[in-house]
Amino acid sequence: MANFAWMDKIEALSIRNPDALIQVIGQRLRRQRLAKGWTQKELAERAGVSLSTLKLMEHEGKGSLQRLAKVAVALGIDGDLRALFSGQRSFESLEAVERITRLRAPRRKIDHEQENSTKKGKV
């Protein structure tokens, strides 16, 4: 299978909203199909979806989750959806989020009596 890592890096930079994300998923479906040497018609038949549905999925990212699952099963990537949804970049982002979360200072607990006196103007 061809190495598309450089494309994943470019895509990671362009995914900023849901519309962009679904287009990237469609592009990845297409790459998976091409890597197997299948035509759109062949994949549509194997997946049990219409050719027009598959074309919409690949070109515009449109389609139901059920149809996406059918196509993933036909491509043999249902057990490893990372081939569609994630690249190394997204795991790095998750780790970065976890690091930031761990570095955050815990919230201070305010004594209810002190909070009530502050609200009444007493300190």
PDB file of N, CA and C in Angstrom:
ATOM      1  N   MET A   1       0.834  -1.176   0.000  1.00  0.00           N
ATOM      2  CA  MET A   1       0.000   0.000   0.000  1.00  0.00           C
ATOM      3  C   MET A   1       0.883   1.245   0.000  1.00  0.00           C
ATOM      4  N   ALA A   2       0.454   2.240  -0.697  1.00  0.00           N
ATOM      5  CA  ALA A   2       1.242   3.471  -0.819  1.00  0.00           C
ATOM      6  C   ALA A   2       1.316   4.201   0.516  1.00  0.00           C
ATOM      7  N   ASN A   3       2.388   4.944   0.689  1.00  0.00           N
ATOM      8  CA  ASN A   3       2.566   5.716   1.913  1.00  0.00           C
ATOM      9  C   ASN A   3       1.983   7.108   1.708  1.00  0.00           C
ATOM     10  N   PHE A   4       0.946   7.415   2.444  1.00  0.00           N
ATOM     11  CA  PHE A   4       0.271   8.700   2.314  1.00  0.00           C
ATOM     12  C   PHE A   4       0.519   9.588   3.531  1.00  0.00           C
ATOM     13  N   ALA A   5       1.577   9.345   4.284  1.00  0.00           N
ATOM     14  CA  ALA A   5       1.829  10.099   5.516  1.00  0.00           C
ATOM     15  C   ALA A   5       1.939  11.595   5.258  1.00  0.00           C
ATOM     16  N   TRP A   6       2.573  11.981   4.166  1.00  0.00           N
ATOM     17  CA  TRP A   6       2.714  13.412   3.871  1.00  0.00           C
ATOM     18  C   TRP A   6       1.360  14.045   3.607  1.00  0.00           C
ATOM     19  N   MET A   7       0.435  13.284   2.997  1.00  0.00           N
ATOM     20  CA  MET A   7      -0.910  13.808   2.762  1.00  0.00           C
ATOM     21  C   MET A   7      -1.648  13.987   4.080  1.00  0.00           C
ATOM     22  N   ASP A   8      -1.449  13.050   5.013  1.00  0.00           N
ATOM     23  CA  ASP A   8      -2.089  13.163   6.319  1.00  0.00           C
ATOM     24  C   ASP A   8      -1.658  14.431   7.033  1.00  0.00           C
ATOM     25  N   LYS A   9      -0.386  14.797   6.909  1.00  0.00           N
ATOM     26  CA  LYS A   9       0.104  16.012   7.562  1.00  0.00           C
ATOM     27  C   LYS A   9      -0.534  17.254   6.962  1.00  0.00           C
ATOM     28  N   ILE A  10      -0.670  17.270   5.653  1.00  0.00           N
ATOM     29  CA  ILE A  10      -1.324  18.406   4.992  1.00  0.00           C
ATOM     30  C   ILE A  10      -2.787  18.475   5.411  1.00  0.00           C
ATOM     31  N   GLU A  11      -3.466  17.327   5.441  1.00  0.00           N
ATOM     32  CA  GLU A  11      -4.869  17.290   5.834  1.00  0.00           C
ATOM     33  C   GLU A  11      -5.053  17.757   7.268  1.00  0.00           C
ATOM     34  N   ALA A  12      -4.144  17.374   8.157  1.00  0.00           N
ATOM     35  CA  ALA A  12      -4.267  17.775   9.560  1.00  0.00           C
ATOM     36  C   ALA A  12      -4.276  19.289   9.693  1.00  0.00           C
ATOM     37  N   LEU A  13      -3.542  19.955   8.834  1.00  0.00           N
ATOM     38  CA  LEU A  13      -3.516  21.414   8.873  1.00  0.00           C
ATOM     39  C   LEU A  13      -4.809  22.016   8.345  1.00  0.00           C
ATOM     40  N   SER A  14      -5.486  21.309   7.444  1.00  0.00           N
ATOM     41  CA  SER A  14      -6.679  21.871   6.812  1.00  0.00           C
ATOM     42  C   SER A  14      -7.978  21.531   7.535  1.00  0.00           C
ATOM     43  N   ILE A  15      -7.958  20.591   8.463  1.00  0.00           N
ATOM     44  CA  ILE A  15      -9.187  20.198   9.157  1.00  0.00           C
ATOM     45  C   ILE A  15      -9.464  21.193  10.276  1.00  0.00           C
ATOM     46  N   ARG A  16     -10.400  22.066  10.026  1.00  0.00           N
ATOM     47  CA  ARG A  16     -10.739  23.095  11.005  1.00  0.00           C
ATOM     48  C   ARG A  16     -12.223  23.118  11.335  1.00  0.00           C
ATOM     49  N   ASN A  17     -13.026  22.351  10.595  1.00  0.00           N
ATOM     50  CA  ASN A  17     -14.461  22.343  10.833  1.00  0.00           C
ATOM     51  C   ASN A  17     -15.043  21.013  10.369  1.00  0.00           C
ATOM     52  N   PRO A  18     -16.298  20.729  10.728  1.00  0.00           N
ATOM     53  CA  PRO A  18     -16.903  19.443  10.360  1.00  0.00           C
ATOM     54  C   PRO A  18     -16.944  19.192   8.854  1.00  0.00           C
ATOM     55  N   ASP A  19     -17.201  20.221   8.066  1.00  0.00           N
ATOM     56  CA  ASP A  19     -17.246  20.033   6.612  1.00  0.00           C
ATOM     57  C   ASP A  19     -15.891  19.578   6.076  1.00  0.00           C
ATOM     58  N   ALA A  20     -14.826  20.180   6.573  1.00  0.00           N
ATOM     59  CA  ALA A  20     -13.481  19.785   6.145  1.00  0.00           C
ATOM     60  C   ALA A  20     -13.183  18.352   6.581  1.00  0.00           C
ATOM     61  N   LEU A  21     -13.611  17.997   7.782  1.00  0.00           N
ATOM     62  CA  LEU A  21     -13.371  16.651   8.292  1.00  0.00           C
ATOM     63  C   LEU A  21     -14.049  15.601   7.420  1.00  0.00           C
ATOM     64  N   ILE A  22     -15.310  15.820   7.060  1.00  0.00           N
ATOM     65  CA  ILE A  22     -15.993  14.806   6.253  1.00  0.00           C
ATOM     66  C   ILE A  22     -15.402  14.711   4.853  1.00  0.00           C
ATOM     67  N   GLN A  23     -14.885  15.805   4.342  1.00  0.00           N
ATOM     68  CA  GLN A  23     -14.220  15.738   3.034  1.00  0.00           C
ATOM     69  C   GLN A  23     -12.932  14.924   3.121  1.00  0.00           C
ATOM     70  N   VAL A  24     -12.199  15.092   4.207  1.00  0.00           N
ATOM     71  CA  VAL A  24     -10.965  14.323   4.401  1.00  0.00           C
ATOM     72  C   VAL A  24     -11.289  12.835   4.522  1.00  0.00           C
ATOM     73  N   ILE A  25     -12.349  12.505   5.238  1.00  0.00           N
ATOM     74  CA  ILE A  25     -12.737  11.099   5.365  1.00  0.00           C
ATOM     75  C   ILE A  25     -13.056  10.526   3.989  1.00  0.00           C
ATOM     76  N   GLY A  26     -13.774  11.281   3.182  1.00  0.00           N
ATOM     77  CA  GLY A  26     -14.077  10.838   1.820  1.00  0.00           C
ATOM     78  C   GLY A  26     -12.818  10.614   0.999  1.00  0.00           C
ATOM     79  N   GLN A  27     -11.856  11.519   1.130  1.00  0.00           N
ATOM     80  CA  GLN A  27     -10.590  11.382   0.405  1.00  0.00           C
ATOM     81  C   GLN A  27      -9.830  10.141   0.863  1.00  0.00           C
ATOM     82  N   ARG A  28      -9.890   9.870   2.145  1.00  0.00           N
ATOM     83  CA  ARG A  28      -9.201   8.685   2.662  1.00  0.00           C
ATOM     84  C   ARG A  28      -9.876   7.402   2.183  1.00  0.00           C
ATOM     85  N   LEU A  29     -11.205   7.421   2.106  1.00  0.00           N
ATOM     86  CA  LEU A  29     -11.900   6.261   1.533  1.00  0.00           C
ATOM     87  C   LEU A  29     -11.409   6.004   0.115  1.00  0.00           C
ATOM     88  N   ARG A  30     -11.328   7.064  -0.654  1.00  0.00           N
ATOM     89  CA  ARG A  30     -10.887   6.951  -2.048  1.00  0.00           C
ATOM     90  C   ARG A  30      -9.475   6.367  -2.118  1.00  0.00           C
ATOM     91  N   ARG A  31      -8.583   6.863  -1.271  1.00  0.00           N
ATOM     92  CA  ARG A  31      -7.202   6.345  -1.267  1.00  0.00           C
ATOM     93  C   ARG A  31      -7.164   4.866  -0.919  1.00  0.00           C
ATOM     94  N   GLN A  32      -7.987   4.464   0.055  1.00  0.00           N
ATOM     95  CA  GLN A  32      -8.025   3.047   0.431  1.00  0.00           C
ATOM     96  C   GLN A  32      -8.506   2.200  -0.745  1.00  0.00           C
ATOM     97  N   ARG A  33      -9.521   2.689  -1.447  1.00  0.00           N
ATOM     98  CA  ARG A  33     -10.045   1.971  -2.615  1.00  0.00           C
ATOM     99  C   ARG A  33      -8.981   1.861  -3.698  1.00  0.00           C
ATOM    100  N   LEU A  34      -8.326   2.976  -4.000  1.00  0.00           N
ATOM    101  CA  LEU A  34      -7.299   2.981  -5.049  1.00  0.00           C
ATOM    102  C   LEU A  34      -6.116   2.091  -4.686  1.00  0.00           C
ATOM    103  N   ALA A  35      -5.781   2.041  -3.400  1.00  0.00           N
ATOM    104  CA  ALA A  35      -4.676   1.188  -2.958  1.00  0.00           C
ATOM    105  C   ALA A  35      -4.976  -0.286  -3.238  1.00  0.00           C
ATOM    106  N   LYS A  36      -6.252  -0.634  -3.244  1.00  0.00           N
ATOM    107  CA  LYS A  36      -6.650  -2.010  -3.561  1.00  0.00           C
ATOM    108  C   LYS A  36      -6.821  -2.219  -5.063  1.00  0.00           C
ATOM    109  N   GLY A  37      -6.759  -1.133  -5.825  1.00  0.00           N
ATOM    110  CA  GLY A  37      -6.909  -1.237  -7.269  1.00  0.00           C
ATOM    111  C   GLY A  37      -8.348  -1.437  -7.718  1.00  0.00           C
ATOM    112  N   TRP A  38      -9.304  -1.033  -6.888  1.00  0.00           N
ATOM    113  CA  TRP A  38     -10.715  -1.220  -7.202  1.00  0.00           C
ATOM    114  C   TRP A  38     -11.301   0.021  -7.852  1.00  0.00           C
ATOM    115  N   THR A  39     -12.278  -0.202  -8.715  1.00  0.00           N
ATOM    116  CA  THR A  39     -13.054   0.911  -9.266  1.00  0.00           C
ATOM    117  C   THR A  39     -14.130   1.283  -8.248  1.00  0.00           C
ATOM    118  N   GLN A  40     -14.731   2.441  -8.457  1.00  0.00           N
ATOM    119  CA  GLN A  40     -15.832   2.837  -7.577  1.00  0.00           C
ATOM    120  C   GLN A  40     -16.979   1.834  -7.680  1.00  0.00           C
ATOM    121  N   LYS A  41     -17.248   1.378  -8.889  1.00  0.00           N
ATOM    122  CA  LYS A  41     -18.336   0.420  -9.099  1.00  0.00           C
ATOM    123  C   LYS A  41     -18.075  -0.874  -8.336  1.00  0.00           C
ATOM    124  N   GLU A  42     -16.832  -1.342  -8.391  1.00  0.00           N
ATOM    125  CA  GLU A  42     -16.483  -2.586  -7.701  1.00  0.00           C
ATOM    126  C   GLU A  42     -16.659  -2.445  -6.191  1.00  0.00           C
ATOM    127  N   LEU A  43     -16.178  -1.349  -5.626  1.00  0.00           N
ATOM    128  CA  LEU A  43     -16.328  -1.151  -4.181  1.00  0.00           C
ATOM    129  C   LEU A  43     -17.797  -0.998  -3.806  1.00  0.00           C
ATOM    130  N   ALA A  44     -18.554  -0.260  -4.592  1.00  0.00           N
ATOM    131  CA  ALA A  44     -19.979  -0.076  -4.301  1.00  0.00           C
ATOM    132  C   ALA A  44     -20.693  -1.427  -4.258  1.00  0.00           C
ATOM    133  N   GLU A  45     -20.386  -2.299  -5.220  1.00  0.00           N
ATOM    134  CA  GLU A  45     -21.004  -3.627  -5.253  1.00  0.00           C
ATOM    135  C   GLU A  45     -20.587  -4.457  -4.044  1.00  0.00           C
ATOM    136  N   ARG A  46     -19.312  -4.436  -3.710  1.00  0.00           N
ATOM    137  CA  ARG A  46     -18.821  -5.200  -2.555  1.00  0.00           C
ATOM    138  C   ARG A  46     -19.430  -4.702  -1.247  1.00  0.00           C
ATOM    139  N   ALA A  47     -19.655  -3.384  -1.166  1.00  0.00           N
ATOM    140  CA  ALA A  47     -20.176  -2.785   0.065  1.00  0.00           C
ATOM    141  C   ALA A  47     -21.700  -2.833   0.145  1.00  0.00           C
ATOM    142  N   GLY A  48     -22.347  -3.077  -0.982  1.00  0.00           N
ATOM    143  CA  GLY A  48     -23.806  -3.094  -0.978  1.00  0.00           C
ATOM    144  C   GLY A  48     -24.410  -1.699  -0.905  1.00  0.00           C
ATOM    145  N   VAL A  49     -23.709  -0.734  -1.504  1.00  0.00           N
ATOM    146  CA  VAL A  49     -24.234   0.634  -1.588  1.00  0.00           C
ATOM    147  C   VAL A  49     -24.294   1.012  -3.063  1.00  0.00           C
ATOM    148  N   SER A  50     -25.088   2.016  -3.366  1.00  0.00           N
ATOM    149  CA  SER A  50     -25.189   2.428  -4.770  1.00  0.00           C
ATOM    150  C   SER A  50     -23.911   3.149  -5.200  1.00  0.00           C
ATOM    151  N   LEU A  51     -23.664   3.125  -6.490  1.00  0.00           N
ATOM    152  CA  LEU A  51     -22.498   3.814  -7.036  1.00  0.00           C
ATOM    153  C   LEU A  51     -22.574   5.310  -6.745  1.00  0.00           C
ATOM    154  N   SER A  52     -23.770   5.883  -6.877  1.00  0.00           N
ATOM    155  CA  SER A  52     -23.912   7.324  -6.612  1.00  0.00           C
ATOM    156  C   SER A  52     -23.621   7.647  -5.147  1.00  0.00           C
ATOM    157  N   THR A  53     -24.004   6.750  -4.235  1.00  0.00           N
ATOM    158  CA  THR A  53     -23.702   6.951  -2.810  1.00  0.00           C
ATOM    159  C   THR A  53     -22.201   6.951  -2.582  1.00  0.00           C
ATOM    160  N   LEU A  54     -21.511   5.983  -3.169  1.00  0.00           N
ATOM    161  CA  LEU A  54     -20.061   5.908  -2.994  1.00  0.00           C
ATOM    162  C   LEU A  54     -19.381   7.148  -3.562  1.00  0.00           C
ATOM    163  N   LYS A  55     -19.836   7.601  -4.717  1.00  0.00           N
ATOM    164  CA  LYS A  55     -19.252   8.811  -5.308  1.00  0.00           C
ATOM    165  C   LYS A  55     -19.433  10.012  -4.386  1.00  0.00           C
ATOM    166  N   LEU A  56     -20.630  10.148  -3.812  1.00  0.00           N
ATOM    167  CA  LEU A  56     -20.869  11.252  -2.869  1.00  0.00           C
ATOM    168  C   LEU A  56     -19.970  11.135  -1.642  1.00  0.00           C
ATOM    169  N   MET A  57     -19.781   9.914  -1.157  1.00  0.00           N
ATOM    170  CA  MET A  57     -18.925   9.705   0.010  1.00  0.00           C
ATOM    171  C   MET A  57     -17.491  10.115  -0.297  1.00  0.00           C
ATOM    172  N   GLU A  58     -16.985   9.695  -1.443  1.00  0.00           N
ATOM    173  CA  GLU A  58     -15.597   9.994  -1.790  1.00  0.00           C
ATOM    174  C   GLU A  58     -15.374  11.464  -2.128  1.00  0.00           C
ATOM    175  N   HIS A  59     -16.283  12.053  -2.853  1.00  0.00           N
ATOM    176  CA  HIS A  59     -16.055  13.418  -3.343  1.00  0.00           C
ATOM    177  C   HIS A  59     -16.516  14.513  -2.389  1.00  0.00           C
ATOM    178  N   GLU A  60     -17.584  14.236  -1.637  1.00  0.00           N
ATOM    179  CA  GLU A  60     -18.123  15.278  -0.762  1.00  0.00           C
ATOM    180  C   GLU A  60     -18.178  14.863   0.697  1.00  0.00           C
ATOM    181  N   GLY A  61     -17.855  13.611   0.976  1.00  0.00           N
ATOM    182  CA  GLY A  61     -17.900  13.133   2.349  1.00  0.00           C
ATOM    183  C   GLY A  61     -19.313  12.893   2.847  1.00  0.00           C
ATOM    184  N   LYS A  62     -20.272  12.850   1.935  1.00  0.00           N
ATOM    185  CA  LYS A  62     -21.670  12.693   2.334  1.00  0.00           C
ATOM    186  C   LYS A  62     -22.053  11.226   2.373  1.00  0.00           C
ATOM    187  N   GLY A  63     -22.846  10.875   3.380  1.00  0.00           N
ATOM    188  CA  GLY A  63     -23.321   9.508   3.527  1.00  0.00           C
ATOM    189  C   GLY A  63     -23.590   9.217   4.987  1.00  0.00           C
ATOM    190  N   SER A  64     -24.354   8.184   5.229  1.00  0.00           N
ATOM    191  CA  SER A  64     -24.696   7.834   6.608  1.00  0.00           C
ATOM    192  C   SER A  64     -23.563   7.030   7.251  1.00  0.00           C
ATOM    193  N   LEU A  65     -23.604   6.945   8.561  1.00  0.00           N
ATOM    194  CA  LEU A  65     -22.621   6.124   9.274  1.00  0.00           C
ATOM    195  C   LEU A  65     -22.779   4.653   8.894  1.00  0.00           C
ATOM    196  N   GLN A  66     -24.011   4.243   8.651  1.00  0.00           N
ATOM    197  CA  GLN A  66     -24.254   2.857   8.250  1.00  0.00           C
ATOM    198  C   GLN A  66     -23.556   2.553   6.924  1.00  0.00           C
ATOM    199  N   ARG A  67     -23.664   3.468   5.983  1.00  0.00           N
ATOM    200  CA  ARG A  67     -23.010   3.253   4.683  1.00  0.00           C
ATOM    201  C   ARG A  67     -21.490   3.323   4.821  1.00  0.00           C
ATOM    202  N   LEU A  68     -21.021   4.211   5.674  1.00  0.00           N
ATOM    203  CA  LEU A  68     -19.581   4.288   5.928  1.00  0.00           C
ATOM    204  C   LEU A  68     -19.082   2.963   6.488  1.00  0.00           C
ATOM    205  N   ALA A  69     -19.844   2.385   7.414  1.00  0.00           N
ATOM    206  CA  ALA A  69     -19.460   1.096   7.995  1.00  0.00           C
ATOM    207  C   ALA A  69     -19.434   0.003   6.928  1.00  0.00           C
ATOM    208  N   LYS A  70     -20.402   0.000   6.034  1.00  0.00           N
ATOM    209  CA  LYS A  70     -20.432  -1.001   4.956  1.00  0.00           C
ATOM    210  C   LYS A  70     -19.201  -0.886   4.059  1.00  0.00           C
ATOM    211  N   VAL A  71     -18.850   0.338   3.723  1.00  0.00           N
ATOM    212  CA  VAL A  71     -17.682   0.556   2.864  1.00  0.00           C
ATOM    213  C   VAL A  71     -16.405   0.147   3.602  1.00  0.00           C
ATOM    214  N   ALA A  72     -16.320   0.482   4.890  1.00  0.00           N
ATOM    215  CA  ALA A  72     -15.141   0.107   5.680  1.00  0.00           C
ATOM    216  C   ALA A  72     -14.988  -1.406   5.746  1.00  0.00           C
ATOM    217  N   VAL A  73     -16.098  -2.122   5.929  1.00  0.00           N
ATOM    218  CA  VAL A  73     -16.053  -3.591   5.956  1.00  0.00           C
ATOM    219  C   VAL A  73     -15.588  -4.126   4.604  1.00  0.00           C
ATOM    220  N   ALA A  74     -16.127  -3.584   3.528  1.00  0.00           N
ATOM    221  CA  ALA A  74     -15.736  -4.037   2.188  1.00  0.00           C
ATOM    222  C   ALA A  74     -14.252  -3.796   1.921  1.00  0.00           C
ATOM    223  N   LEU A  75     -13.729  -2.686   2.428  1.00  0.00           N
ATOM    224  CA  LEU A  75     -12.307  -2.376   2.241  1.00  0.00           C
ATOM    225  C   LEU A  75     -11.411  -3.173   3.188  1.00  0.00           C
ATOM    226  N   GLY A  76     -12.029  -3.824   4.182  1.00  0.00           N
ATOM    227  CA  GLY A  76     -11.252  -4.592   5.150  1.00  0.00           C
ATOM    228  C   GLY A  76     -10.589  -3.727   6.203  1.00  0.00           C
ATOM    229  N   ILE A  77     -11.119  -2.539   6.418  1.00  0.00           N
ATOM    230  CA  ILE A  77     -10.522  -1.634   7.409  1.00  0.00           C
ATOM    231  C   ILE A  77     -11.467  -1.370   8.572  1.00  0.00           C
ATOM    232  N   ASP A  78     -12.496  -2.183   8.704  1.00  0.00           N
ATOM    233  CA  ASP A  78     -13.465  -1.980   9.775  1.00  0.00           C
ATOM    234  C   ASP A  78     -12.850  -2.186  11.156  1.00  0.00           C
ATOM    235  N   GLY A  79     -11.870  -3.051  11.265  1.00  0.00           N
ATOM    236  CA  GLY A  79     -11.222  -3.283  12.550  1.00  0.00           C
ATOM    237  C   GLY A  79     -10.167  -2.248  12.869  1.00  0.00           C
ATOM    238  N   ASP A  80      -9.829  -1.440  11.910  1.00  0.00           N
ATOM    239  CA  ASP A  80      -8.785  -0.437  12.097  1.00  0.00           C
ATOM    240  C   ASP A  80      -9.231   0.875  11.457  1.00  0.00           C
ATOM    241  N   LEU A  81     -10.202   1.520  12.054  1.00  0.00           N
ATOM    242  CA  LEU A  81     -10.737   2.751  11.476  1.00  0.00           C
ATOM    243  C   LEU A  81      -9.737   3.895  11.506  1.00  0.00           C
ATOM    244  N   ARG A  82      -8.581   3.664  12.114  1.00  0.00           N
ATOM    245  CA  ARG A  82      -7.538   4.698  12.067  1.00  0.00           C
ATOM    246  C   ARG A  82      -7.156   5.021  10.627  1.00  0.00           C
ATOM    247  N   ALA A  83      -7.322   4.054   9.746  1.00  0.00           N
ATOM    248  CA  ALA A  83      -7.006   4.291   8.335  1.00  0.00           C
ATOM    249  C   ALA A  83      -7.895   5.384   7.744  1.00  0.00           C
ATOM    250  N   LEU A  84      -9.046   5.602   8.342  1.00  0.00           N
ATOM    251  CA  LEU A  84      -9.945   6.656   7.873  1.00  0.00           C
ATOM    252  C   LEU A  84      -9.877   7.914   8.724  1.00  0.00           C
ATOM    253  N   PHE A  85      -9.894   7.758  10.039  1.00  0.00           N
ATOM    254  CA  PHE A  85     -10.121   8.895  10.917  1.00  0.00           C
ATOM    255  C   PHE A  85      -8.894   9.522  11.530  1.00  0.00           C
ATOM    256  N   SER A  86      -7.853   8.772  11.723  1.00  0.00           N
ATOM    257  CA  SER A  86      -6.754   9.374  12.458  1.00  0.00           C
ATOM    258  C   SER A  86      -5.440   9.189  11.733  1.00  0.00           C
ATOM    259  N   GLY A  87      -4.586  10.114  12.014  1.00  0.00           N
ATOM    260  CA  GLY A  87      -3.207  10.022  11.581  1.00  0.00           C
ATOM    261  C   GLY A  87      -2.376  10.218  12.827  1.00  0.00           C
ATOM    262  N   GLN A  88      -1.107  10.132  12.694  1.00  0.00           N
ATOM    263  CA  GLN A  88      -0.245  10.316  13.852  1.00  0.00           C
ATOM    264  C   GLN A  88      -0.487  11.686  14.473  1.00  0.00           C
ATOM    265  N   ARG A  89      -0.809  12.641  13.662  1.00  0.00           N
ATOM    266  CA  ARG A  89      -1.017  14.011  14.120  1.00  0.00           C
ATOM    267  C   ARG A  89      -2.110  14.101  15.182  1.00  0.00           C
ATOM    268  N   SER A  90      -3.219  13.386  15.001  1.00  0.00           N
ATOM    269  CA  SER A  90      -4.304  13.489  15.963  1.00  0.00           C
ATOM    270  C   SER A  90      -3.908  12.888  17.306  1.00  0.00           C
ATOM    271  N   PHE A  91      -3.065  11.845  17.305  1.00  0.00           N
ATOM    272  CA  PHE A  91      -2.609  11.296  18.568  1.00  0.00           C
ATOM    273  C   PHE A  91      -1.686  12.279  19.278  1.00  0.00           C
ATOM    274  N   GLU A  92      -0.851  12.973  18.513  1.00  0.00           N
ATOM    275  CA  GLU A  92       0.005  13.987  19.115  1.00  0.00           C
ATOM    276  C   GLU A  92      -0.842  15.077  19.745  1.00  0.00           C
ATOM    277  N   SER A  93      -1.909  15.453  19.088  1.00  0.00           N
ATOM    278  CA  SER A  93      -2.783  16.493  19.613  1.00  0.00           C
ATOM    279  C   SER A  93      -3.430  16.044  20.910  1.00  0.00           C
ATOM    280  N   LEU A  94      -3.887  14.797  20.968  1.00  0.00           N
ATOM    281  CA  LEU A  94      -4.499  14.276  22.177  1.00  0.00           C
ATOM    282  C   LEU A  94      -3.498  14.289  23.321  1.00  0.00           C
ATOM    283  N   GLU A  95      -2.279  13.864  23.053  1.00  0.00           N
ATOM    284  CA  GLU A  95      -1.251  13.881  24.092  1.00  0.00           C
ATOM    285  C   GLU A  95      -0.982  15.303  24.558  1.00  0.00           C
ATOM    286  N   ALA A  96      -0.976  16.239  23.641  1.00  0.00           N
ATOM    287  CA  ALA A  96      -0.760  17.638  24.013  1.00  0.00           C
ATOM    288  C   ALA A  96      -1.884  18.130  24.910  1.00  0.00           C
ATOM    289  N   VAL A  97      -3.101  17.755  24.587  1.00  0.00           N
ATOM    290  CA  VAL A  97      -4.248  18.147  25.416  1.00  0.00           C
ATOM    291  C   VAL A  97      -4.120  17.544  26.805  1.00  0.00           C
ATOM    292  N   GLU A  98      -3.726  16.286  26.879  1.00  0.00           N
ATOM    293  CA  GLU A  98      -3.569  15.639  28.180  1.00  0.00           C
ATOM    294  C   GLU A  98      -2.465  16.308  28.999  1.00  0.00           C
ATOM    295  N   ARG A  99      -1.367  16.698  28.345  1.00  0.00           N
ATOM    296  CA  ARG A  99      -0.288  17.383  29.066  1.00  0.00           C
ATOM    297  C   ARG A  99      -0.776  18.714  29.626  1.00  0.00           C
ATOM    298  N   ILE A 100      -1.498  19.460  28.825  1.00  0.00           N
ATOM    299  CA  ILE A 100      -2.016  20.752  29.274  1.00  0.00           C
ATOM    300  C   ILE A 100      -2.959  20.557  30.448  1.00  0.00           C
ATOM    301  N   THR A 101      -3.807  19.541  30.375  1.00  0.00           N
ATOM    302  CA  THR A 101      -4.756  19.267  31.449  1.00  0.00           C
ATOM    303  C   THR A 101      -4.021  18.933  32.738  1.00  0.00           C
ATOM    304  N   ARG A 102      -2.946  18.157  32.650  1.00  0.00           N
ATOM    305  CA  ARG A 102      -2.192  17.788  33.857  1.00  0.00           C
ATOM    306  C   ARG A 102      -1.455  18.978  34.452  1.00  0.00           C
ATOM    307  N   LEU A 103      -1.050  19.934  33.616  1.00  0.00           N
ATOM    308  CA  LEU A 103      -0.299  21.086  34.103  1.00  0.00           C
ATOM    309  C   LEU A 103      -1.182  22.130  34.770  1.00  0.00           C
ATOM    310  N   ARG A 104      -2.476  22.079  34.501  1.00  0.00           N
ATOM    311  CA  ARG A 104      -3.389  23.055  35.077  1.00  0.00           C
ATOM    312  C   ARG A 104      -3.441  22.933  36.584  1.00  0.00           C
ATOM    313  N   ALA A 105      -3.468  24.052  37.261  1.00  0.00           N
ATOM    314  CA  ALA A 105      -3.578  24.043  38.722  1.00  0.00           C
ATOM    315  C   ALA A 105      -4.997  23.633  39.108  1.00  0.00           C
ATOM    316  N   PRO A 106      -5.126  22.857  40.177  1.00  0.00           N
ATOM    317  CA  PRO A 106      -6.470  22.479  40.610  1.00  0.00           C
ATOM    318  C   PRO A 106      -7.228  23.704  41.122  1.00  0.00           C
ATOM    319  N   ARG A 107      -8.540  23.682  40.951  1.00  0.00           N
ATOM    320  CA  ARG A 107      -9.363  24.793  41.430  1.00  0.00           C
ATOM    321  C   ARG A 107      -9.347  24.819  42.947  1.00  0.00           C
ATOM    322  N   ARG A 108      -9.304  26.023  43.478  1.00  0.00           N
ATOM    323  CA  ARG A 108      -9.330  26.159  44.932  1.00  0.00           C
ATOM    324  C   ARG A 108     -10.751  25.971  45.427  1.00  0.00           C
ATOM    325  N   LYS A 109     -10.860  25.320  46.556  1.00  0.00           N
ATOM    326  CA  LYS A 109     -12.168  25.174  47.173  1.00  0.00           C
ATOM    327  C   LYS A 109     -12.361  26.361  48.106  1.00  0.00           C
ATOM    328  N   ILE A 110     -13.461  27.031  47.947  1.00  0.00           N
ATOM    329  CA  ILE A 110     -13.760  28.190  48.790  1.00  0.00           C
ATOM    330  C   ILE A 110     -14.697  27.741  49.891  1.00  0.00           C
ATOM    331  N   ASP A 111     -14.364  28.120  51.095  1.00  0.00           N
ATOM    332  CA  ASP A 111     -15.198  27.813  52.240  1.00  0.00           C
ATOM    333  C   ASP A 111     -16.556  28.490  52.040  1.00  0.00           C
ATOM    334  N   HIS A 112     -17.646  27.733  52.215  1.00  0.00           N
ATOM    335  CA  HIS A 112     -18.988  28.281  51.995  1.00  0.00           C
ATOM    336  C   HIS A 112     -19.268  29.487  52.888  1.00  0.00           C
ATOM    337  N   GLU A 113     -18.770  29.481  54.118  1.00  0.00           N
ATOM    338  CA  GLU A 113     -18.989  30.609  55.029  1.00  0.00           C
ATOM    339  C   GLU A 113     -18.295  31.857  54.484  1.00  0.00           C
ATOM    340  N   GLN A 114     -17.076  31.693  54.003  1.00  0.00           N
ATOM    341  CA  GLN A 114     -16.337  32.818  53.437  1.00  0.00           C
ATOM    342  C   GLN A 114     -17.032  33.321  52.176  1.00  0.00           C
ATOM    343  N   GLU A 115     -17.549  32.406  51.357  1.00  0.00           N
ATOM    344  CA  GLU A 115     -18.236  32.785  50.127  1.00  0.00           C
ATOM    345  C   GLU A 115     -19.498  33.590  50.440  1.00  0.00           C
ATOM    346  N   ASN A 116     -20.267  33.151  51.448  1.00  0.00           N
ATOM    347  CA  ASN A 116     -21.495  33.851  51.828  1.00  0.00           C
ATOM    348  C   ASN A 116     -21.206  35.240  52.373  1.00  0.00           C
ATOM    349  N   SER A 117     -20.156  35.378  53.188  1.00  0.00           N
ATOM    350  CA  SER A 117     -19.838  36.695  53.742  1.00  0.00           C
ATOM    351  C   SER A 117     -19.329  37.632  52.652  1.00  0.00           C
ATOM    352  N   THR A 118     -18.663  37.101  51.657  1.00  0.00           N
ATOM    353  CA  THR A 118     -18.191  37.917  50.539  1.00  0.00           C
ATOM    354  C   THR A 118     -19.376  38.434  49.739  1.00  0.00           C
ATOM    355  N   LYS A 119     -20.396  37.588  49.540  1.00  0.00           N
ATOM    356  CA  LYS A 119     -21.581  38.001  48.798  1.00  0.00           C
ATOM    357  C   LYS A 119     -22.338  39.106  49.522  1.00  0.00           C
ATOM    358  N   LYS A 120     -22.325  39.089  50.872  1.00  0.00           N
ATOM    359  CA  LYS A 120     -23.043  40.090  51.657  1.00  0.00           C
ATOM    360  C   LYS A 120     -22.222  41.353  51.855  1.00  0.00           C
ATOM    361  N   GLY A 121     -21.030  41.361  51.350  1.00  0.00           N
ATOM    362  CA  GLY A 121     -20.169  42.533  51.488  1.00  0.00           C
ATOM    363  C   GLY A 121     -19.289  42.491  52.718  1.00  0.00           C
ATOM    364  N   LYS A 122     -19.311  41.389  53.443  1.00  0.00           N
ATOM    365  CA  LYS A 122     -18.468  41.226  54.627  1.00  0.00           C
ATOM    366  C   LYS A 122     -17.235  40.432  54.244  1.00  0.00           C
ATOM    367  N   VAL A 123     -16.108  40.876  54.719  1.00  0.00           N
ATOM    368  CA  VAL A 123     -14.880  40.144  54.433  1.00  0.00           C
ATOM    369  C   VAL A 123     -14.195  39.767  55.706  1.00  0.00           C
TER     370      VAL A 123
END
